[in-house]
Amino acid sequence: MINILTYIWGRKNPYNRVGIIFLNVPAPYLPWVMLALSHFSGSSLTENIMGIFVGHTYYYFTEVFPTMPITHGIRPLDTPGFL
């Protein structure tokens, strides 16, 4: 879950810099740095990779997809109007 949030936050704040352990990295690279640190610590990468994938999918369908001319502003992840 944390990787989903850091991916979305990093994409929405591309000019922020984050200090993690001894590194000062741009915010969009934070999930990838966390993935590398998890790999170096010997933990499973599956959760991190899935978090990045889900975060990217959410970001794409909420920020990128609606701005494409062919979609006419459709937002597939918005709550339906009848609810």
PDB file of N, CA and C in Angstrom:
ATOM      1  N   MET A   1       0.822  -1.192   0.000  1.00  0.00           N
ATOM      2  CA  MET A   1       0.000   0.000   0.000  1.00  0.00           C
ATOM      3  C   MET A   1       0.868   1.259   0.000  1.00  0.00           C
ATOM      4  N   ILE A   2       1.962   1.233   0.718  1.00  0.00           N
ATOM      5  CA  ILE A   2       2.815   2.418   0.793  1.00  0.00           C
ATOM      6  C   ILE A   2       3.434   2.728  -0.569  1.00  0.00           C
ATOM      7  N   ASN A   3       3.725   1.701  -1.354  1.00  0.00           N
ATOM      8  CA  ASN A   3       4.307   1.950  -2.681  1.00  0.00           C
ATOM      9  C   ASN A   3       3.299   2.577  -3.625  1.00  0.00           C
ATOM     10  N   ILE A   4       2.033   2.231  -3.488  1.00  0.00           N
ATOM     11  CA  ILE A   4       0.996   2.865  -4.302  1.00  0.00           C
ATOM     12  C   ILE A   4       0.972   4.355  -4.003  1.00  0.00           C
ATOM     13  N   LEU A   5       0.940   4.691  -2.730  1.00  0.00           N
ATOM     14  CA  LEU A   5       0.862   6.098  -2.328  1.00  0.00           C
ATOM     15  C   LEU A   5       2.120   6.871  -2.705  1.00  0.00           C
ATOM     16  N   THR A   6       3.291   6.274  -2.520  1.00  0.00           N
ATOM     17  CA  THR A   6       4.516   6.996  -2.876  1.00  0.00           C
ATOM     18  C   THR A   6       4.633   7.172  -4.386  1.00  0.00           C
ATOM     19  N   TYR A   7       4.154   6.203  -5.153  1.00  0.00           N
ATOM     20  CA  TYR A   7       4.197   6.350  -6.609  1.00  0.00           C
ATOM     21  C   TYR A   7       3.299   7.501  -7.057  1.00  0.00           C
ATOM     22  N   ILE A   8       2.070   7.527  -6.554  1.00  0.00           N
ATOM     23  CA  ILE A   8       1.129   8.585  -6.942  1.00  0.00           C
ATOM     24  C   ILE A   8       1.636   9.939  -6.470  1.00  0.00           C
ATOM     25  N   TRP A   9       2.109  10.017  -5.230  1.00  0.00           N
ATOM     26  CA  TRP A   9       2.619  11.285  -4.703  1.00  0.00           C
ATOM     27  C   TRP A   9       3.821  11.759  -5.515  1.00  0.00           C
ATOM     28  N   GLY A  10       4.709  10.852  -5.855  1.00  0.00           N
ATOM     29  CA  GLY A  10       5.889  11.218  -6.637  1.00  0.00           C
ATOM     30  C   GLY A  10       5.543  11.718  -8.023  1.00  0.00           C
ATOM     31  N   ARG A  11       4.542  11.116  -8.639  1.00  0.00           N
ATOM     32  CA  ARG A  11       4.133  11.567  -9.974  1.00  0.00           C
ATOM     33  C   ARG A  11       3.453  12.934  -9.923  1.00  0.00           C
ATOM     34  N   LYS A  12       2.722  13.206  -8.848  1.00  0.00           N
ATOM     35  CA  LYS A  12       2.027  14.495  -8.735  1.00  0.00           C
ATOM     36  C   LYS A  12       2.942  15.603  -8.233  1.00  0.00           C
ATOM     37  N   ASN A  13       4.085  15.274  -7.687  1.00  0.00           N
ATOM     38  CA  ASN A  13       5.053  16.246  -7.174  1.00  0.00           C
ATOM     39  C   ASN A  13       6.428  15.977  -7.783  1.00  0.00           C
ATOM     40  N   PRO A  14       6.572  16.165  -9.085  1.00  0.00           N
ATOM     41  CA  PRO A  14       7.816  15.753  -9.750  1.00  0.00           C
ATOM     42  C   PRO A  14       9.039  16.585  -9.387  1.00  0.00           C
ATOM     43  N   TYR A  15       8.850  17.775  -8.818  1.00  0.00           N
ATOM     44  CA  TYR A  15      10.001  18.638  -8.519  1.00  0.00           C
ATOM     45  C   TYR A  15      10.445  18.564  -7.059  1.00  0.00           C
ATOM     46  N   ASN A  16       9.736  17.803  -6.242  1.00  0.00           N
ATOM     47  CA  ASN A  16      10.161  17.624  -4.851  1.00  0.00           C
ATOM     48  C   ASN A  16      11.335  16.659  -4.796  1.00  0.00           C
ATOM     49  N   ARG A  17      12.167  16.854  -3.786  1.00  0.00           N
ATOM     50  CA  ARG A  17      13.283  15.944  -3.540  1.00  0.00           C
ATOM     51  C   ARG A  17      13.074  15.320  -2.173  1.00  0.00           C
ATOM     52  N   VAL A  18      13.445  14.064  -2.051  1.00  0.00           N
ATOM     53  CA  VAL A  18      13.224  13.305  -0.829  1.00  0.00           C
ATOM     54  C   VAL A  18      14.551  12.734  -0.356  1.00  0.00           C
ATOM     55  N   GLY A  19      14.827  12.888   0.931  1.00  0.00           N
ATOM     56  CA  GLY A  19      16.008  12.270   1.517  1.00  0.00           C
ATOM     57  C   GLY A  19      15.626  10.935   2.132  1.00  0.00           C
ATOM     58  N   ILE A  20      16.242   9.871   1.647  1.00  0.00           N
ATOM     59  CA  ILE A  20      15.979   8.543   2.192  1.00  0.00           C
ATOM     60  C   ILE A  20      17.332   7.892   2.472  1.00  0.00           C
ATOM     61  N   ILE A  21      17.541   7.554   3.711  1.00  0.00           N
ATOM     62  CA  ILE A  21      18.791   7.041   4.249  1.00  0.00           C
ATOM     63  C   ILE A  21      19.927   8.006   3.907  1.00  0.00           C
ATOM     64  N   PHE A  22      20.739   7.723   2.929  1.00  0.00           N
ATOM     65  CA  PHE A  22      21.866   8.598   2.583  1.00  0.00           C
ATOM     66  C   PHE A  22      21.700   9.219   1.197  1.00  0.00           C
ATOM     67  N   LEU A  23      20.550   9.033   0.586  1.00  0.00           N
ATOM     68  CA  LEU A  23      20.320   9.516  -0.771  1.00  0.00           C
ATOM     69  C   LEU A  23      19.342  10.680  -0.794  1.00  0.00           C
ATOM     70  N   ASN A  24      19.554  11.610  -1.694  1.00  0.00           N
ATOM     71  CA  ASN A  24      18.620  12.700  -1.948  1.00  0.00           C
ATOM     72  C   ASN A  24      18.128  12.514  -3.381  1.00  0.00           C
ATOM     73  N   VAL A  25      16.892  12.019  -3.535  1.00  0.00           N
ATOM     74  CA  VAL A  25      16.386  11.647  -4.857  1.00  0.00           C
ATOM     75  C   VAL A  25      15.147  12.459  -5.215  1.00  0.00           C
ATOM     76  N   PRO A  26      14.893  12.649  -6.502  1.00  0.00           N
ATOM     77  CA  PRO A  26      13.639  13.285  -6.921  1.00  0.00           C
ATOM     78  C   PRO A  26      12.450  12.397  -6.544  1.00  0.00           C
ATOM     79  N   ALA A  27      11.345  13.019  -6.204  1.00  0.00           N
ATOM     80  CA  ALA A  27      10.171  12.283  -5.730  1.00  0.00           C
ATOM     81  C   ALA A  27       9.684  11.195  -6.692  1.00  0.00           C
ATOM     82  N   PRO A  28       9.694  11.405  -8.013  1.00  0.00           N
ATOM     83  CA  PRO A  28       9.221  10.323  -8.891  1.00  0.00           C
ATOM     84  C   PRO A  28      10.056   9.043  -8.816  1.00  0.00           C
ATOM     85  N   TYR A  29      11.302   9.149  -8.353  1.00  0.00           N
ATOM     86  CA  TYR A  29      12.158   7.965  -8.253  1.00  0.00           C
ATOM     87  C   TYR A  29      12.063   7.265  -6.896  1.00  0.00           C
ATOM     88  N   LEU A  30      11.308   7.817  -5.971  1.00  0.00           N
ATOM     89  CA  LEU A  30      11.228   7.248  -4.625  1.00  0.00           C
ATOM     90  C   LEU A  30      10.755   5.793  -4.616  1.00  0.00           C
ATOM     91  N   PRO A  31       9.690   5.413  -5.327  1.00  0.00           N
ATOM     92  CA  PRO A  31       9.292   3.999  -5.300  1.00  0.00           C
ATOM     93  C   PRO A  31      10.376   3.061  -5.822  1.00  0.00           C
ATOM     94  N   TRP A  32      11.142   3.537  -6.801  1.00  0.00           N
ATOM     95  CA  TRP A  32      12.206   2.699  -7.357  1.00  0.00           C
ATOM     96  C   TRP A  32      13.371   2.560  -6.383  1.00  0.00           C
ATOM     97  N   VAL A  33      13.670   3.620  -5.641  1.00  0.00           N
ATOM     98  CA  VAL A  33      14.714   3.548  -4.612  1.00  0.00           C
ATOM     99  C   VAL A  33      14.269   2.604  -3.501  1.00  0.00           C
ATOM    100  N   MET A  34      12.989   2.692  -3.119  1.00  0.00           N
ATOM    101  CA  MET A  34      12.468   1.784  -2.101  1.00  0.00           C
ATOM    102  C   MET A  34      12.519   0.334  -2.583  1.00  0.00           C
ATOM    103  N   LEU A  35      12.275   0.119  -3.865  1.00  0.00           N
ATOM    104  CA  LEU A  35      12.378  -1.222  -4.442  1.00  0.00           C
ATOM    105  C   LEU A  35      13.811  -1.738  -4.351  1.00  0.00           C
ATOM    106  N   ALA A  36      14.773  -0.895  -4.695  1.00  0.00           N
ATOM    107  CA  ALA A  36      16.183  -1.296  -4.620  1.00  0.00           C
ATOM    108  C   ALA A  36      16.604  -1.582  -3.184  1.00  0.00           C
ATOM    109  N   LEU A  37      16.179  -0.732  -2.248  1.00  0.00           N
ATOM    110  CA  LEU A  37      16.527  -0.961  -0.846  1.00  0.00           C
ATOM    111  C   LEU A  37      15.908  -2.255  -0.324  1.00  0.00           C
ATOM    112  N   SER A  38      14.693  -2.566  -0.752  1.00  0.00           N
ATOM    113  CA  SER A  38      14.074  -3.834  -0.357  1.00  0.00           C
ATOM    114  C   SER A  38      14.856  -5.012  -0.921  1.00  0.00           C
ATOM    115  N   HIS A  39      15.312  -4.861  -2.149  1.00  0.00           N
ATOM    116  CA  HIS A  39      16.104  -5.929  -2.767  1.00  0.00           C
ATOM    117  C   HIS A  39      17.417  -6.142  -2.015  1.00  0.00           C
ATOM    118  N   PHE A  40      18.085  -5.039  -1.664  1.00  0.00           N
ATOM    119  CA  PHE A  40      19.359  -5.150  -0.955  1.00  0.00           C
ATOM    120  C   PHE A  40      19.194  -5.695   0.457  1.00  0.00           C
ATOM    121  N   SER A  41      18.027  -5.482   1.056  1.00  0.00           N
ATOM    122  CA  SER A  41      17.801  -5.997   2.406  1.00  0.00           C
ATOM    123  C   SER A  41      17.345  -7.452   2.393  1.00  0.00           C
ATOM    124  N   GLY A  42      17.109  -7.997   1.196  1.00  0.00           N
ATOM    125  CA  GLY A  42      16.781  -9.410   1.085  1.00  0.00           C
ATOM    126  C   GLY A  42      15.306  -9.730   1.170  1.00  0.00           C
ATOM    127  N   SER A  43      14.429  -8.734   1.152  1.00  0.00           N
ATOM    128  CA  SER A  43      12.997  -9.017   1.229  1.00  0.00           C
ATOM    129  C   SER A  43      12.420  -9.236  -0.167  1.00  0.00           C
ATOM    130  N   SER A  44      11.198  -9.713  -0.201  1.00  0.00           N
ATOM    131  CA  SER A  44      10.537 -10.022  -1.465  1.00  0.00           C
ATOM    132  C   SER A  44      10.202  -8.749  -2.233  1.00  0.00           C
ATOM    133  N   LEU A  45      10.414  -8.782  -3.529  1.00  0.00           N
ATOM    134  CA  LEU A  45      10.146  -7.622  -4.372  1.00  0.00           C
ATOM    135  C   LEU A  45       8.718  -7.604  -4.907  1.00  0.00           C
ATOM    136  N   THR A  46       7.981  -8.682  -4.723  1.00  0.00           N
ATOM    137  CA  THR A  46       6.647  -8.801  -5.306  1.00  0.00           C
ATOM    138  C   THR A  46       5.717  -7.693  -4.844  1.00  0.00           C
ATOM    139  N   GLU A  47       5.677  -7.414  -3.547  1.00  0.00           N
ATOM    140  CA  GLU A  47       4.786  -6.371  -3.034  1.00  0.00           C
ATOM    141  C   GLU A  47       5.160  -5.002  -3.577  1.00  0.00           C
ATOM    142  N   ASN A  48       6.439  -4.708  -3.653  1.00  0.00           N
ATOM    143  CA  ASN A  48       6.877  -3.414  -4.179  1.00  0.00           C
ATOM    144  C   ASN A  48       6.529  -3.262  -5.653  1.00  0.00           C
ATOM    145  N   ILE A  49       6.766  -4.292  -6.426  1.00  0.00           N
ATOM    146  CA  ILE A  49       6.466  -4.225  -7.858  1.00  0.00           C
ATOM    147  C   ILE A  49       4.964  -4.097  -8.082  1.00  0.00           C
ATOM    148  N   MET A  50       4.170  -4.839  -7.321  1.00  0.00           N
ATOM    149  CA  MET A  50       2.714  -4.730  -7.452  1.00  0.00           C
ATOM    150  C   MET A  50       2.231  -3.343  -7.044  1.00  0.00           C
ATOM    151  N   GLY A  51       2.826  -2.761  -6.006  1.00  0.00           N
ATOM    152  CA  GLY A  51       2.456  -1.412  -5.588  1.00  0.00           C
ATOM    153  C   GLY A  51       2.756  -0.382  -6.658  1.00  0.00           C
ATOM    154  N   ILE A  52       3.913  -0.504  -7.294  1.00  0.00           N
ATOM    155  CA  ILE A  52       4.271   0.415  -8.379  1.00  0.00           C
ATOM    156  C   ILE A  52       3.317   0.226  -9.554  1.00  0.00           C
ATOM    157  N   PHE A  53       2.987  -1.007  -9.876  1.00  0.00           N
ATOM    158  CA  PHE A  53       2.069  -1.283 -10.983  1.00  0.00           C
ATOM    159  C   PHE A  53       0.676  -0.707 -10.715  1.00  0.00           C
ATOM    160  N   VAL A  54       0.142  -0.939  -9.527  1.00  0.00           N
ATOM    161  CA  VAL A  54      -1.193  -0.428  -9.187  1.00  0.00           C
ATOM    162  C   VAL A  54      -1.179   1.095  -9.130  1.00  0.00           C
ATOM    163  N   GLY A  55      -0.129   1.676  -8.557  1.00  0.00           N
ATOM    164  CA  GLY A  55      -0.020   3.131  -8.516  1.00  0.00           C
ATOM    165  C   GLY A  55       0.045   3.733  -9.905  1.00  0.00           C
ATOM    166  N   HIS A  56       0.806   3.100 -10.791  1.00  0.00           N
ATOM    167  CA  HIS A  56       0.901   3.593 -12.167  1.00  0.00           C
ATOM    168  C   HIS A  56      -0.447   3.485 -12.878  1.00  0.00           C
ATOM    169  N   THR A  57      -1.147   2.377 -12.683  1.00  0.00           N
ATOM    170  CA  THR A  57      -2.458   2.197 -13.308  1.00  0.00           C
ATOM    171  C   THR A  57      -3.440   3.253 -12.823  1.00  0.00           C
ATOM    172  N   TYR A  58      -3.464   3.500 -11.517  1.00  0.00           N
ATOM    173  CA  TYR A  58      -4.362   4.521 -10.968  1.00  0.00           C
ATOM    174  C   TYR A  58      -4.000   5.903 -11.509  1.00  0.00           C
ATOM    175  N   TYR A  59      -2.729   6.245 -11.499  1.00  0.00           N
ATOM    176  CA  TYR A  59      -2.292   7.551 -12.005  1.00  0.00           C
ATOM    177  C   TYR A  59      -2.663   7.709 -13.478  1.00  0.00           C
ATOM    178  N   TYR A  60      -2.462   6.685 -14.252  1.00  0.00           N
ATOM    179  CA  TYR A  60      -2.764   6.761 -15.684  1.00  0.00           C
ATOM    180  C   TYR A  60      -4.254   7.024 -15.915  1.00  0.00           C
ATOM    181  N   PHE A  61      -5.123   6.272 -15.228  1.00  0.00           N
ATOM    182  CA  PHE A  61      -6.555   6.411 -15.474  1.00  0.00           C
ATOM    183  C   PHE A  61      -7.173   7.642 -14.825  1.00  0.00           C
ATOM    184  N   THR A  62      -6.492   8.281 -13.887  1.00  0.00           N
ATOM    185  CA  THR A  62      -7.043   9.500 -13.283  1.00  0.00           C
ATOM    186  C   THR A  62      -6.422  10.774 -13.826  1.00  0.00           C
ATOM    187  N   GLU A  63      -5.177  10.724 -14.298  1.00  0.00           N
ATOM    188  CA  GLU A  63      -4.489  11.940 -14.734  1.00  0.00           C
ATOM    189  C   GLU A  63      -4.186  11.984 -16.236  1.00  0.00           C
ATOM    190  N   VAL A  64      -3.803  10.881 -16.825  1.00  0.00           N
ATOM    191  CA  VAL A  64      -3.354  10.869 -18.222  1.00  0.00           C
ATOM    192  C   VAL A  64      -4.501  10.538 -19.176  1.00  0.00           C
ATOM    193  N   PHE A  65      -5.202   9.474 -18.919  1.00  0.00           N
ATOM    194  CA  PHE A  65      -6.261   8.997 -19.809  1.00  0.00           C
ATOM    195  C   PHE A  65      -7.328  10.055 -20.096  1.00  0.00           C
ATOM    196  N   PRO A  66      -7.845  10.785 -19.098  1.00  0.00           N
ATOM    197  CA  PRO A  66      -8.880  11.789 -19.390  1.00  0.00           C
ATOM    198  C   PRO A  66      -8.403  12.946 -20.267  1.00  0.00           C
ATOM    199  N   THR A  67      -7.109  13.189 -20.345  1.00  0.00           N
ATOM    200  CA  THR A  67      -6.611  14.306 -21.152  1.00  0.00           C
ATOM    201  C   THR A  67      -6.359  13.926 -22.606  1.00  0.00           C
ATOM    202  N   MET A  68      -6.491  12.665 -22.943  1.00  0.00           N
ATOM    203  CA  MET A  68      -6.288  12.222 -24.322  1.00  0.00           C
ATOM    204  C   MET A  68      -7.499  12.642 -25.160  1.00  0.00           C
ATOM    205  N   PRO A  69      -7.275  13.228 -26.341  1.00  0.00           N
ATOM    206  CA  PRO A  69      -8.397  13.726 -27.147  1.00  0.00           C
ATOM    207  C   PRO A  69      -9.425  12.660 -27.524  1.00  0.00           C
ATOM    208  N   ILE A  70      -8.979  11.448 -27.736  1.00  0.00           N
ATOM    209  CA  ILE A  70      -9.895  10.402 -28.189  1.00  0.00           C
ATOM    210  C   ILE A  70     -10.865   9.957 -27.084  1.00  0.00           C
ATOM    211  N   THR A  71     -10.545  10.213 -25.819  1.00  0.00           N
ATOM    212  CA  THR A  71     -11.396   9.753 -24.718  1.00  0.00           C
ATOM    213  C   THR A  71     -12.506  10.732 -24.376  1.00  0.00           C
ATOM    214  N   HIS A  72     -12.438  11.951 -24.873  1.00  0.00           N
ATOM    215  CA  HIS A  72     -13.463  12.978 -24.623  1.00  0.00           C
ATOM    216  C   HIS A  72     -13.670  13.238 -23.133  1.00  0.00           C
ATOM    217  N   GLY A  73     -12.617  13.164 -22.349  1.00  0.00           N
ATOM    218  CA  GLY A  73     -12.683  13.482 -20.927  1.00  0.00           C
ATOM    219  C   GLY A  73     -13.292  12.406 -20.051  1.00  0.00           C
ATOM    220  N   ILE A  74     -13.457  11.209 -20.562  1.00  0.00           N
ATOM    221  CA  ILE A  74     -14.031  10.116 -19.768  1.00  0.00           C
ATOM    222  C   ILE A  74     -13.061   9.765 -18.647  1.00  0.00           C
ATOM    223  N   ARG A  75     -13.602   9.630 -17.446  1.00  0.00           N
ATOM    224  CA  ARG A  75     -12.811   9.238 -16.276  1.00  0.00           C
ATOM    225  C   ARG A  75     -13.332   7.885 -15.793  1.00  0.00           C
ATOM    226  N   PRO A  76     -12.691   6.781 -16.194  1.00  0.00           N
ATOM    227  CA  PRO A  76     -13.234   5.456 -15.886  1.00  0.00           C
ATOM    228  C   PRO A  76     -13.234   5.093 -14.406  1.00  0.00           C
ATOM    229  N   LEU A  77     -12.442   5.744 -13.579  1.00  0.00           N
ATOM    230  CA  LEU A  77     -12.398   5.386 -12.160  1.00  0.00           C
ATOM    231  C   LEU A  77     -13.257   6.288 -11.280  1.00  0.00           C
ATOM    232  N   ASP A  78     -13.955   7.265 -11.867  1.00  0.00           N
ATOM    233  CA  ASP A  78     -14.841   8.115 -11.073  1.00  0.00           C
ATOM    234  C   ASP A  78     -16.082   7.334 -10.643  1.00  0.00           C
ATOM    235  N   THR A  79     -16.656   7.756  -9.528  1.00  0.00           N
ATOM    236  CA  THR A  79     -17.879   7.142  -9.035  1.00  0.00           C
ATOM    237  C   THR A  79     -19.022   7.460  -9.997  1.00  0.00           C
ATOM    238  N   PRO A  80     -19.861   6.485 -10.327  1.00  0.00           N
ATOM    239  CA  PRO A  80     -20.982   6.752 -11.231  1.00  0.00           C
ATOM    240  C   PRO A  80     -21.942   7.790 -10.646  1.00  0.00           C
ATOM    241  N   GLY A  81     -22.595   8.536 -11.514  1.00  0.00           N
ATOM    242  CA  GLY A  81     -23.484   9.607 -11.089  1.00  0.00           C
ATOM    243  C   GLY A  81     -24.697   9.142 -10.309  1.00  0.00           C
ATOM    244  N   PHE A  82     -25.165   7.906 -10.518  1.00  0.00           N
ATOM    245  CA  PHE A  82     -26.362   7.440  -9.824  1.00  0.00           C
ATOM    246  C   PHE A  82     -26.097   7.051  -8.376  1.00  0.00           C
ATOM    247  N   LEU A  83     -24.856   7.046  -7.966  1.00  0.00           N
ATOM    248  CA  LEU A  83     -24.543   6.760  -6.568  1.00  0.00           C
ATOM    249  C   LEU A  83     -24.434   8.059  -5.835  1.00  0.00           C
TER     250      LEU A  83
END
